[in-house]
Amino acid sequence: MTQLIHLIYSSAAAYKFSEDDLIDLLTKARQYNGNTDVTGMLLYTEGSFFQILEGEESVVDALFAKISKDKRHTKAVTIMRKTIPNRSFGEWTMGYANVTSEEVE
């Protein structure tokens, strides 16, 4: 049986993302995640990303390595990586919320 993990990370955007940039990123992420059975949630505010990825350990680790090398992200930092018994975001290939700084506070 494969081991499920979730990996939570934050990163800074390398440039200011427009709504079109975010839609493009989400479209590609959802397609990739659907093909690799990764689920999760992405939050974005004022140039900062916060993301939770869930899936098979080797797949999630490979995806985070890919994200860490993506020129759209800088300062990618793992906040938490741990084994999970089941998914919290099982229905979402990538949920998304564009939050304001007031909502973050």
C-alpha atoms as a PDB file:
ATOM      1  CA  MET A   1       0.000   0.000   0.000  1.00  0.00           C
ATOM      2  CA  THR A   2       1.275   3.462  -0.850  1.00  0.00           C
ATOM      3  CA  GLN A   3       1.764   6.015   1.878  1.00  0.00           C
ATOM      4  CA  LEU A   4      -0.244   9.245   1.735  1.00  0.00           C
ATOM      5  CA  ILE A   5       1.349  12.467   2.885  1.00  0.00           C
ATOM      6  CA  HIS A   6       0.454  16.069   2.985  1.00  0.00           C
ATOM      7  CA  LEU A   7       3.027  18.726   2.425  1.00  0.00           C
ATOM      8  CA  ILE A   8       2.383  22.329   3.358  1.00  0.00           C
ATOM      9  CA  TYR A   9       4.637  25.015   1.950  1.00  0.00           C
ATOM     10  CA  SER A  10       4.836  28.731   1.393  1.00  0.00           C
ATOM     11  CA  SER A  11       6.593  30.653  -1.342  1.00  0.00           C
ATOM     12  CA  ALA A  12       6.867  34.152  -2.726  1.00  0.00           C
ATOM     13  CA  ALA A  13       5.767  34.972  -6.248  1.00  0.00           C
ATOM     14  CA  ALA A  14       8.681  36.012  -8.453  1.00  0.00           C
ATOM     15  CA  TYR A  15       6.481  38.728  -9.973  1.00  0.00           C
ATOM     16  CA  LYS A  16       3.024  40.173  -9.458  1.00  0.00           C
ATOM     17  CA  PHE A  17       0.455  37.620 -10.612  1.00  0.00           C
ATOM     18  CA  SER A  18      -2.486  38.918 -12.577  1.00  0.00           C
ATOM     19  CA  GLU A  19      -5.832  37.143 -12.444  1.00  0.00           C
ATOM     20  CA  ASP A  20      -4.989  35.608 -15.844  1.00  0.00           C
ATOM     21  CA  ASP A  21      -1.645  34.356 -14.466  1.00  0.00           C
ATOM     22  CA  LEU A  22      -3.449  32.715 -11.539  1.00  0.00           C
ATOM     23  CA  ILE A  23      -6.066  31.128 -13.799  1.00  0.00           C
ATOM     24  CA  ASP A  24      -3.303  29.745 -16.028  1.00  0.00           C
ATOM     25  CA  LEU A  25      -1.399  28.382 -13.022  1.00  0.00           C
ATOM     26  CA  LEU A  26      -4.558  26.772 -11.589  1.00  0.00           C
ATOM     27  CA  THR A  27      -5.613  25.255 -14.919  1.00  0.00           C
ATOM     28  CA  LYS A  28      -2.228  23.593 -15.372  1.00  0.00           C
ATOM     29  CA  ALA A  29      -2.007  22.523 -11.719  1.00  0.00           C
ATOM     30  CA  ARG A  30      -5.478  20.961 -11.778  1.00  0.00           C
ATOM     31  CA  GLN A  31      -4.673  19.027 -14.939  1.00  0.00           C
ATOM     32  CA  TYR A  32      -1.331  17.801 -13.572  1.00  0.00           C
ATOM     33  CA  ASN A  33      -2.819  16.949 -10.192  1.00  0.00           C
ATOM     34  CA  GLY A  34      -5.739  15.108 -11.777  1.00  0.00           C
ATOM     35  CA  ASN A  35      -3.299  12.985 -13.779  1.00  0.00           C
ATOM     36  CA  THR A  36      -1.118  12.211 -10.741  1.00  0.00           C
ATOM     37  CA  ASP A  37      -3.844  11.857  -8.065  1.00  0.00           C
ATOM     38  CA  VAL A  38      -2.687  14.891  -6.079  1.00  0.00           C
ATOM     39  CA  THR A  39      -5.250  16.933  -4.165  1.00  0.00           C
ATOM     40  CA  GLY A  40      -4.922  20.119  -2.183  1.00  0.00           C
ATOM     41  CA  MET A  41      -5.616  23.761  -1.597  1.00  0.00           C
ATOM     42  CA  LEU A  42      -3.842  26.925  -2.751  1.00  0.00           C
ATOM     43  CA  LEU A  43      -4.091  30.305  -1.064  1.00  0.00           C
ATOM     44  CA  TYR A  44      -2.658  33.419  -2.639  1.00  0.00           C
ATOM     45  CA  THR A  45      -2.387  36.934  -1.266  1.00  0.00           C
ATOM     46  CA  GLU A  46      -0.234  39.912  -2.154  1.00  0.00           C
ATOM     47  CA  GLY A  47       2.506  37.898  -3.830  1.00  0.00           C
ATOM     48  CA  SER A  48       2.575  35.018  -1.344  1.00  0.00           C
ATOM     49  CA  PHE A  49       1.506  31.423  -1.901  1.00  0.00           C
ATOM     50  CA  PHE A  50       0.480  28.975   0.799  1.00  0.00           C
ATOM     51  CA  GLN A  51      -0.330  25.495  -0.435  1.00  0.00           C
ATOM     52  CA  ILE A  52      -1.300  22.088   0.896  1.00  0.00           C
ATOM     53  CA  LEU A  53      -0.533  19.115  -1.339  1.00  0.00           C
ATOM     54  CA  GLU A  54      -1.851  15.611  -0.622  1.00  0.00           C
ATOM     55  CA  GLY A  55      -1.052  12.345  -2.321  1.00  0.00           C
ATOM     56  CA  GLU A  56       1.354   9.477  -2.641  1.00  0.00           C
ATOM     57  CA  GLU A  57       4.648  10.330  -0.967  1.00  0.00           C
ATOM     58  CA  SER A  58       6.912  10.032  -4.005  1.00  0.00           C
ATOM     59  CA  VAL A  59       4.486  11.999  -6.219  1.00  0.00           C
ATOM     60  CA  VAL A  60       4.062  14.870  -3.737  1.00  0.00           C
ATOM     61  CA  ASP A  61       7.809  15.076  -3.103  1.00  0.00           C
ATOM     62  CA  ALA A  62       8.489  15.176  -6.866  1.00  0.00           C
ATOM     63  CA  LEU A  63       5.839  17.872  -7.343  1.00  0.00           C
ATOM     64  CA  PHE A  64       7.300  20.023  -4.573  1.00  0.00           C
ATOM     65  CA  ALA A  65      10.766  19.650  -6.112  1.00  0.00           C
ATOM     66  CA  LYS A  66       9.278  20.835  -9.418  1.00  0.00           C
ATOM     67  CA  ILE A  67       7.527  23.782  -7.719  1.00  0.00           C
ATOM     68  CA  SER A  68      10.756  24.724  -5.912  1.00  0.00           C
ATOM     69  CA  LYS A  69      12.531  25.022  -9.280  1.00  0.00           C
ATOM     70  CA  ASP A  70       9.646  26.886 -10.969  1.00  0.00           C
ATOM     71  CA  LYS A  71      10.791  30.409 -11.843  1.00  0.00           C
ATOM     72  CA  ARG A  72       7.373  31.791 -10.811  1.00  0.00           C
ATOM     73  CA  HIS A  73       8.179  30.903  -7.169  1.00  0.00           C
ATOM     74  CA  THR A  74      10.984  32.035  -4.884  1.00  0.00           C
ATOM     75  CA  LYS A  75      11.761  31.141  -1.298  1.00  0.00           C
ATOM     76  CA  ALA A  76       9.745  27.895  -1.310  1.00  0.00           C
ATOM     77  CA  VAL A  77       9.818  26.609   2.272  1.00  0.00           C
ATOM     78  CA  THR A  78       8.306  23.418   3.656  1.00  0.00           C
ATOM     79  CA  ILE A  79       6.184  24.186   6.697  1.00  0.00           C
ATOM     80  CA  MET A  80       5.013  20.639   7.389  1.00  0.00           C
ATOM     81  CA  ARG A  81       5.374  17.240   5.762  1.00  0.00           C
ATOM     82  CA  LYS A  82       3.728  14.254   7.389  1.00  0.00           C
ATOM     83  CA  THR A  83       1.965  10.983   6.783  1.00  0.00           C
ATOM     84  CA  ILE A  84      -1.835  11.170   6.756  1.00  0.00           C
ATOM     85  CA  PRO A  85      -4.447   8.407   7.059  1.00  0.00           C
ATOM     86  CA  ASN A  86      -6.758  10.055   4.505  1.00  0.00           C
ATOM     87  CA  ARG A  87      -7.140  13.214   2.464  1.00  0.00           C
ATOM     88  CA  SER A  88      -8.676  16.448   3.694  1.00  0.00           C
ATOM     89  CA  PHE A  89      -9.169  17.755   0.147  1.00  0.00           C
ATOM     90  CA  GLY A  90     -10.093  14.518  -1.629  1.00  0.00           C
ATOM     91  CA  GLU A  91     -12.604  16.160  -3.955  1.00  0.00           C
ATOM     92  CA  TRP A  92     -10.285  18.933  -5.168  1.00  0.00           C
ATOM     93  CA  THR A  93      -7.478  18.577  -7.681  1.00  0.00           C
ATOM     94  CA  MET A  94      -6.636  22.070  -6.434  1.00  0.00           C
ATOM     95  CA  GLY A  95      -8.977  24.201  -4.381  1.00  0.00           C
ATOM     96  CA  TYR A  96      -8.199  27.893  -4.508  1.00  0.00           C
ATOM     97  CA  ALA A  97      -8.790  31.058  -2.532  1.00  0.00           C
ATOM     98  CA  ASN A  98      -7.456  34.528  -3.274  1.00  0.00           C
ATOM     99  CA  VAL A  99      -7.431  35.971   0.230  1.00  0.00           C
ATOM    100  CA  THR A 100      -7.029  39.546   1.323  1.00  0.00           C
ATOM    101  CA  SER A 101      -4.525  40.648   3.951  1.00  0.00           C
ATOM    102  CA  GLU A 102      -7.474  41.355   6.279  1.00  0.00           C
ATOM    103  CA  GLU A 103      -8.663  37.749   5.918  1.00  0.00           C
ATOM    104  CA  VAL A 104      -5.154  36.476   6.647  1.00  0.00           C
ATOM    105  CA  GLU A 105      -5.010  38.528   9.849  1.00  0.00           C
END
